[in-house]
PDB file of all heavy atoms in Angstrom:
ATOM      1  N   ILE A   1      -0.210   7.808  -3.817  1.00  0.00           N
ATOM      2  CA  ILE A   1       1.105   7.472  -3.480  1.00  0.00           C
ATOM      3  C   ILE A   1       1.095   6.013  -2.896  1.00  0.00           C
ATOM      4  O   ILE A   1       1.944   5.206  -3.421  1.00  0.00           O
ATOM      5  CB  ILE A   1       1.946   8.363  -2.565  1.00  0.00           C
ATOM      6  CG1 ILE A   1       2.183   9.784  -3.154  1.00  0.00           C
ATOM      7  CG2 ILE A   1       3.300   7.872  -2.117  1.00  0.00           C
ATOM      8  CD1 ILE A   1       2.588  10.872  -2.206  1.00  0.00           C
ATOM      9  N   PHE A   2       0.255   5.637  -2.036  1.00  0.00           N
ATOM     10  CA  PHE A   2       0.161   4.266  -1.573  1.00  0.00           C
ATOM     11  C   PHE A   2      -0.169   3.296  -2.531  1.00  0.00           C
ATOM     12  O   PHE A   2       0.167   2.229  -2.506  1.00  0.00           O
ATOM     13  CB  PHE A   2      -0.724   4.252  -0.282  1.00  0.00           C
ATOM     14  CG  PHE A   2      -0.094   4.925   0.818  1.00  0.00           C
ATOM     15  CD1 PHE A   2      -0.851   5.910   1.771  1.00  0.00           C
ATOM     16  CD2 PHE A   2       1.256   4.819   1.273  1.00  0.00           C
ATOM     17  CE1 PHE A   2      -0.220   6.433   2.813  1.00  0.00           C
ATOM     18  CE2 PHE A   2       1.743   5.419   2.365  1.00  0.00           C
ATOM     19  CZ  PHE A   2       0.961   6.337   3.154  1.00  0.00           C
ATOM     20  N   LYS A   3      -1.158   3.712  -3.498  1.00  0.00           N
ATOM     21  CA  LYS A   3      -1.597   2.857  -4.573  1.00  0.00           C
ATOM     22  C   LYS A   3      -0.427   2.584  -5.475  1.00  0.00           C
ATOM     23  O   LYS A   3      -0.259   1.405  -5.987  1.00  0.00           O
ATOM     24  CB  LYS A   3      -2.711   3.588  -5.286  1.00  0.00           C
ATOM     25  CG  LYS A   3      -4.004   3.427  -4.603  1.00  0.00           C
ATOM     26  CD  LYS A   3      -5.143   4.394  -5.243  1.00  0.00           C
ATOM     27  CE  LYS A   3      -5.457   3.979  -6.717  1.00  0.00           C
ATOM     28  NZ  LYS A   3      -6.483   4.935  -7.228  1.00  0.00           N
ATOM     29  N   ILE A   4       0.362   3.480  -5.777  1.00  0.00           N
ATOM     30  CA  ILE A   4       1.603   3.338  -6.663  1.00  0.00           C
ATOM     31  C   ILE A   4       2.503   2.357  -5.956  1.00  0.00           C
ATOM     32  O   ILE A   4       3.094   1.451  -6.536  1.00  0.00           O
ATOM     33  CB  ILE A   4       2.292   4.636  -6.882  1.00  0.00           C
ATOM     34  CG1 ILE A   4       1.489   5.426  -7.846  1.00  0.00           C
ATOM     35  CG2 ILE A   4       3.749   4.424  -7.490  1.00  0.00           C
ATOM     36  CD1 ILE A   4       1.955   6.846  -8.028  1.00  0.00           C
ATOM     37  N   ASN A   5       2.750   2.500  -4.621  1.00  0.00           N
ATOM     38  CA  ASN A   5       3.570   1.610  -3.785  1.00  0.00           C
ATOM     39  C   ASN A   5       2.961   0.147  -3.869  1.00  0.00           C
ATOM     40  O   ASN A   5       3.756  -0.852  -4.085  1.00  0.00           O
ATOM     41  CB  ASN A   5       3.654   1.992  -2.407  1.00  0.00           C
ATOM     42  CG  ASN A   5       5.169   2.051  -1.910  1.00  0.00           C
ATOM     43  OD1 ASN A   5       6.077   1.667  -2.637  1.00  0.00           O
ATOM     44  ND2 ASN A   5       5.291   2.161  -0.640  1.00  0.00           N
ATOM     45  N   VAL A   6       1.643   0.100  -3.902  1.00  0.00           N
ATOM     46  CA  VAL A   6       1.037  -1.364  -3.891  1.00  0.00           C
ATOM     47  C   VAL A   6       1.399  -1.869  -5.237  1.00  0.00           C
ATOM     48  O   VAL A   6       1.718  -3.182  -5.499  1.00  0.00           O
ATOM     49  CB  VAL A   6      -0.502  -1.144  -3.677  1.00  0.00           C
ATOM     50  CG1 VAL A   6      -1.219  -2.498  -4.066  1.00  0.00           C
ATOM     51  CG2 VAL A   6      -0.733  -0.900  -2.282  1.00  0.00           C
ATOM     52  N   ALA A   7       1.118  -1.056  -6.343  1.00  0.00           N
ATOM     53  CA  ALA A   7       1.509  -1.531  -7.756  1.00  0.00           C
ATOM     54  C   ALA A   7       2.836  -1.975  -7.886  1.00  0.00           C
ATOM     55  O   ALA A   7       3.087  -2.941  -8.651  1.00  0.00           O
ATOM     56  CB  ALA A   7       1.090  -0.496  -8.733  1.00  0.00           C
ATOM     57  N   LEU A   8       3.816  -1.269  -7.248  1.00  0.00           N
ATOM     58  CA  LEU A   8       5.174  -1.583  -7.410  1.00  0.00           C
ATOM     59  C   LEU A   8       5.649  -2.684  -6.642  1.00  0.00           C
ATOM     60  O   LEU A   8       6.489  -3.600  -7.080  1.00  0.00           O
ATOM     61  CB  LEU A   8       6.045  -0.264  -7.082  1.00  0.00           C
ATOM     62  CG  LEU A   8       6.006   0.871  -8.055  1.00  0.00           C
ATOM     63  CD1 LEU A   8       6.863   2.084  -7.657  1.00  0.00           C
ATOM     64  CD2 LEU A   8       6.275   0.573  -9.545  1.00  0.00           C
ATOM     65  N   TYR A   9       5.040  -2.865  -5.426  1.00  0.00           N
ATOM     66  CA  TYR A   9       5.508  -3.957  -4.646  1.00  0.00           C
ATOM     67  C   TYR A   9       4.302  -4.692  -4.112  1.00  0.00           C
ATOM     68  O   TYR A   9       3.830  -4.692  -2.912  1.00  0.00           O
ATOM     69  CB  TYR A   9       6.191  -3.310  -3.322  1.00  0.00           C
ATOM     70  CG  TYR A   9       7.412  -2.611  -3.727  1.00  0.00           C
ATOM     71  CD1 TYR A   9       7.315  -1.105  -3.902  1.00  0.00           C
ATOM     72  CD2 TYR A   9       8.579  -3.167  -4.207  1.00  0.00           C
ATOM     73  CE1 TYR A   9       8.443  -0.331  -4.404  1.00  0.00           C
ATOM     74  CE2 TYR A   9       9.615  -2.382  -4.631  1.00  0.00           C
ATOM     75  CZ  TYR A   9       9.586  -1.041  -4.643  1.00  0.00           C
ATOM     76  OH  TYR A   9      10.695  -0.310  -5.071  1.00  0.00           O
ATOM     77  N   PRO A  10       3.579  -5.469  -4.809  1.00  0.00           N
ATOM     78  CA  PRO A  10       2.372  -6.216  -4.576  1.00  0.00           C
ATOM     79  C   PRO A  10       2.515  -7.267  -3.592  1.00  0.00           C
ATOM     80  O   PRO A  10       1.517  -7.889  -3.001  1.00  0.00           O
ATOM     81  CB  PRO A  10       1.839  -6.663  -5.948  1.00  0.00           C
ATOM     82  CG  PRO A  10       3.205  -6.812  -6.846  1.00  0.00           C
ATOM     83  CD  PRO A  10       3.977  -5.699  -6.386  1.00  0.00           C
ATOM     84  N   ASN A  11       3.725  -7.697  -3.233  1.00  0.00           N
ATOM     85  CA  ASN A  11       3.938  -8.773  -2.328  1.00  0.00           C
ATOM     86  C   ASN A  11       4.417  -8.265  -0.962  1.00  0.00           C
ATOM     87  O   ASN A  11       4.915  -9.044  -0.114  1.00  0.00           O
ATOM     88  CB  ASN A  11       4.983  -9.826  -2.964  1.00  0.00           C
ATOM     89  CG  ASN A  11       4.471 -10.405  -4.119  1.00  0.00           C
ATOM     90  OD1 ASN A  11       3.142 -10.886  -4.288  1.00  0.00           O
ATOM     91  ND2 ASN A  11       5.332 -10.617  -5.086  1.00  0.00           N
ATOM     92  N   SER A  12       4.241  -7.021  -0.805  1.00  0.00           N
ATOM     93  CA  SER A  12       4.730  -6.263   0.584  1.00  0.00           C
ATOM     94  C   SER A  12       3.585  -6.208   1.437  1.00  0.00           C
ATOM     95  O   SER A  12       2.506  -5.603   0.996  1.00  0.00           O
ATOM     96  CB  SER A  12       5.405  -5.132   0.300  1.00  0.00           C
ATOM     97  OG  SER A  12       5.546  -4.325   1.497  1.00  0.00           O
ATOM     98  N   SER A  13       3.569  -6.628   2.689  1.00  0.00           N
ATOM     99  CA  SER A  13       2.517  -6.518   3.592  1.00  0.00           C
ATOM    100  C   SER A  13       2.393  -5.053   4.002  1.00  0.00           C
ATOM    101  O   SER A  13       1.309  -4.480   4.153  1.00  0.00           O
ATOM    102  CB  SER A  13       2.832  -7.329   4.825  1.00  0.00           C
ATOM    103  OG  SER A  13       1.851  -6.999   5.930  1.00  0.00           O
ATOM    104  N   ASN A  14       3.485  -4.313   4.100  1.00  0.00           N
ATOM    105  CA  ASN A  14       3.436  -2.973   4.649  1.00  0.00           C
ATOM    106  C   ASN A  14       2.786  -1.939   3.694  1.00  0.00           C
ATOM    107  O   ASN A  14       2.189  -1.053   4.033  1.00  0.00           O
ATOM    108  CB  ASN A  14       4.975  -2.555   4.740  1.00  0.00           C
ATOM    109  CG  ASN A  14       4.981  -1.214   5.607  1.00  0.00           C
ATOM    110  OD1 ASN A  14       4.437  -1.080   6.625  1.00  0.00           O
ATOM    111  ND2 ASN A  14       5.617  -0.168   5.072  1.00  0.00           N
ATOM    112  N   VAL A  15       2.890  -2.178   2.293  1.00  0.00           N
ATOM    113  CA  VAL A  15       2.187  -1.144   1.334  1.00  0.00           C
ATOM    114  C   VAL A  15       0.832  -1.230   1.516  1.00  0.00           C
ATOM    115  O   VAL A  15       0.087  -0.293   1.429  1.00  0.00           O
ATOM    116  CB  VAL A  15       2.746  -1.406   0.020  1.00  0.00           C
ATOM    117  CG1 VAL A  15       4.193  -1.296  -0.131  1.00  0.00           C
ATOM    118  CG2 VAL A  15       2.306  -2.790  -0.599  1.00  0.00           C
ATOM    119  N   TYR A  16       0.148  -2.369   1.837  1.00  0.00           N
ATOM    120  CA  TYR A  16      -1.232  -2.616   2.054  1.00  0.00           C
ATOM    121  C   TYR A  16      -1.697  -1.938   3.282  1.00  0.00           C
ATOM    122  O   TYR A  16      -2.800  -1.350   3.376  1.00  0.00           O
ATOM    123  CB  TYR A  16      -1.672  -4.015   1.861  1.00  0.00           C
ATOM    124  CG  TYR A  16      -1.584  -4.609   0.515  1.00  0.00           C
ATOM    125  CD1 TYR A  16      -0.399  -5.416   0.261  1.00  0.00           C
ATOM    126  CD2 TYR A  16      -2.462  -4.370  -0.526  1.00  0.00           C
ATOM    127  CE1 TYR A  16      -0.263  -6.017  -1.089  1.00  0.00           C
ATOM    128  CE2 TYR A  16      -2.375  -4.917  -1.708  1.00  0.00           C
ATOM    129  CZ  TYR A  16      -1.257  -5.667  -1.995  1.00  0.00           C
ATOM    130  OH  TYR A  16      -0.955  -6.196  -3.315  1.00  0.00           O
ATOM    131  N   ASP A  17      -0.834  -2.175   4.226  1.00  0.00           N
ATOM    132  CA  ASP A  17      -1.054  -1.625   5.630  1.00  0.00           C
ATOM    133  C   ASP A  17      -1.118  -0.058   5.571  1.00  0.00           C
ATOM    134  O   ASP A  17      -2.193   0.551   6.159  1.00  0.00           O
ATOM    135  CB  ASP A  17      -0.026  -2.057   6.667  1.00  0.00           C
ATOM    136  CG  ASP A  17      -0.358  -1.617   8.006  1.00  0.00           C
ATOM    137  OD1 ASP A  17      -1.246  -2.333   8.694  1.00  0.00           O
ATOM    138  OD2 ASP A  17       0.235  -0.607   8.517  1.00  0.00           O
ATOM    139  N   SER A  18      -0.270   0.460   4.858  1.00  0.00           N
ATOM    140  CA  SER A  18      -0.196   2.082   4.738  1.00  0.00           C
ATOM    141  C   SER A  18      -1.282   2.464   3.932  1.00  0.00           C
ATOM    142  O   SER A  18      -1.886   3.560   4.226  1.00  0.00           O
ATOM    143  CB  SER A  18       1.085   2.314   4.008  1.00  0.00           C
ATOM    144  OG  SER A  18       2.270   2.050   4.753  1.00  0.00           O
ATOM    145  N   TYR A  19      -1.663   1.806   2.744  1.00  0.00           N
ATOM    146  CA  TYR A  19      -2.736   2.166   1.957  1.00  0.00           C
ATOM    147  C   TYR A  19      -4.140   2.091   2.926  1.00  0.00           C
ATOM    148  O   TYR A  19      -4.945   3.125   2.708  1.00  0.00           O
ATOM    149  CB  TYR A  19      -2.737   1.160   0.848  1.00  0.00           C
ATOM    150  CG  TYR A  19      -3.891   1.486  -0.097  1.00  0.00           C
ATOM    151  CD1 TYR A  19      -4.372   2.720  -0.433  1.00  0.00           C
ATOM    152  CD2 TYR A  19      -4.495   0.457  -0.888  1.00  0.00           C
ATOM    153  CE1 TYR A  19      -5.347   2.923  -1.409  1.00  0.00           C
ATOM    154  CE2 TYR A  19      -5.498   0.529  -1.868  1.00  0.00           C
ATOM    155  CZ  TYR A  19      -6.001   1.888  -2.068  1.00  0.00           C
ATOM    156  OH  TYR A  19      -6.946   2.025  -3.028  1.00  0.00           O
ATOM    157  N   ALA A  20      -4.174   1.120   3.637  1.00  0.00           N
ATOM    158  CA  ALA A  20      -5.374   0.989   4.561  1.00  0.00           C
ATOM    159  C   ALA A  20      -5.469   2.157   5.488  1.00  0.00           C
ATOM    160  O   ALA A  20      -6.548   2.732   5.694  1.00  0.00           O
ATOM    161  CB  ALA A  20      -5.315  -0.301   5.156  1.00  0.00           C
ATOM    162  N   ASP A  21      -4.360   2.515   6.086  1.00  0.00           N
ATOM    163  CA  ASP A  21      -4.309   3.652   6.949  1.00  0.00           C
ATOM    164  C   ASP A  21      -4.769   4.921   6.356  1.00  0.00           C
ATOM    165  O   ASP A  21      -5.624   5.701   6.888  1.00  0.00           O
ATOM    166  CB  ASP A  21      -2.840   3.982   7.483  1.00  0.00           C
ATOM    167  CG  ASP A  21      -2.371   2.837   8.571  1.00  0.00           C
ATOM    168  OD1 ASP A  21      -3.201   2.173   9.090  1.00  0.00           O
ATOM    169  OD2 ASP A  21      -1.137   3.049   8.801  1.00  0.00           O
ATOM    170  N   ALA A  22      -4.436   5.189   4.960  1.00  0.00           N
ATOM    171  CA  ALA A  22      -4.810   6.365   4.282  1.00  0.00           C
ATOM    172  C   ALA A  22      -6.379   6.243   4.045  1.00  0.00           C
ATOM    173  O   ALA A  22      -7.199   7.236   4.198  1.00  0.00           O
ATOM    174  CB  ALA A  22      -4.130   6.530   3.087  1.00  0.00           C
ATOM    175  N   LEU A  23      -6.875   5.055   3.726  1.00  0.00           N
ATOM    176  CA  LEU A  23      -8.286   4.850   3.303  1.00  0.00           C
ATOM    177  C   LEU A  23      -9.150   5.206   4.641  1.00  0.00           C
ATOM    178  O   LEU A  23     -10.174   5.818   4.502  1.00  0.00           O
ATOM    179  CB  LEU A  23      -8.527   3.487   2.778  1.00  0.00           C
ATOM    180  CG  LEU A  23      -8.071   3.162   1.412  1.00  0.00           C
ATOM    181  CD1 LEU A  23      -7.883   1.779   1.145  1.00  0.00           C
ATOM    182  CD2 LEU A  23      -8.754   3.936   0.469  1.00  0.00           C
ATOM    183  N   PHE A  24      -8.614   4.675   5.755  1.00  0.00           N
ATOM    184  CA  PHE A  24      -9.253   4.916   7.047  1.00  0.00           C
ATOM    185  C   PHE A  24      -9.406   6.310   7.412  1.00  0.00           C
ATOM    186  O   PHE A  24     -10.415   6.823   7.849  1.00  0.00           O
ATOM    187  CB  PHE A  24      -8.521   3.994   8.157  1.00  0.00           C
ATOM    188  CG  PHE A  24      -8.994   4.403   9.544  1.00  0.00           C
ATOM    189  CD1 PHE A  24     -10.224   4.172   9.986  1.00  0.00           C
ATOM    190  CD2 PHE A  24      -8.075   4.992  10.445  1.00  0.00           C
ATOM    191  CE1 PHE A  24     -10.752   4.623  11.324  1.00  0.00           C
ATOM    192  CE2 PHE A  24      -8.420   5.374  11.656  1.00  0.00           C
ATOM    193  CZ  PHE A  24      -9.817   5.181  12.142  1.00  0.00           C
TER     194      PHE A  24
END
């Protein structure tokens, strides 16, 4: 889900932060 958010909103800081939380 976070990867999809990154793909849809690549210029958003928050989507990468959330994706990183899940990876961690």
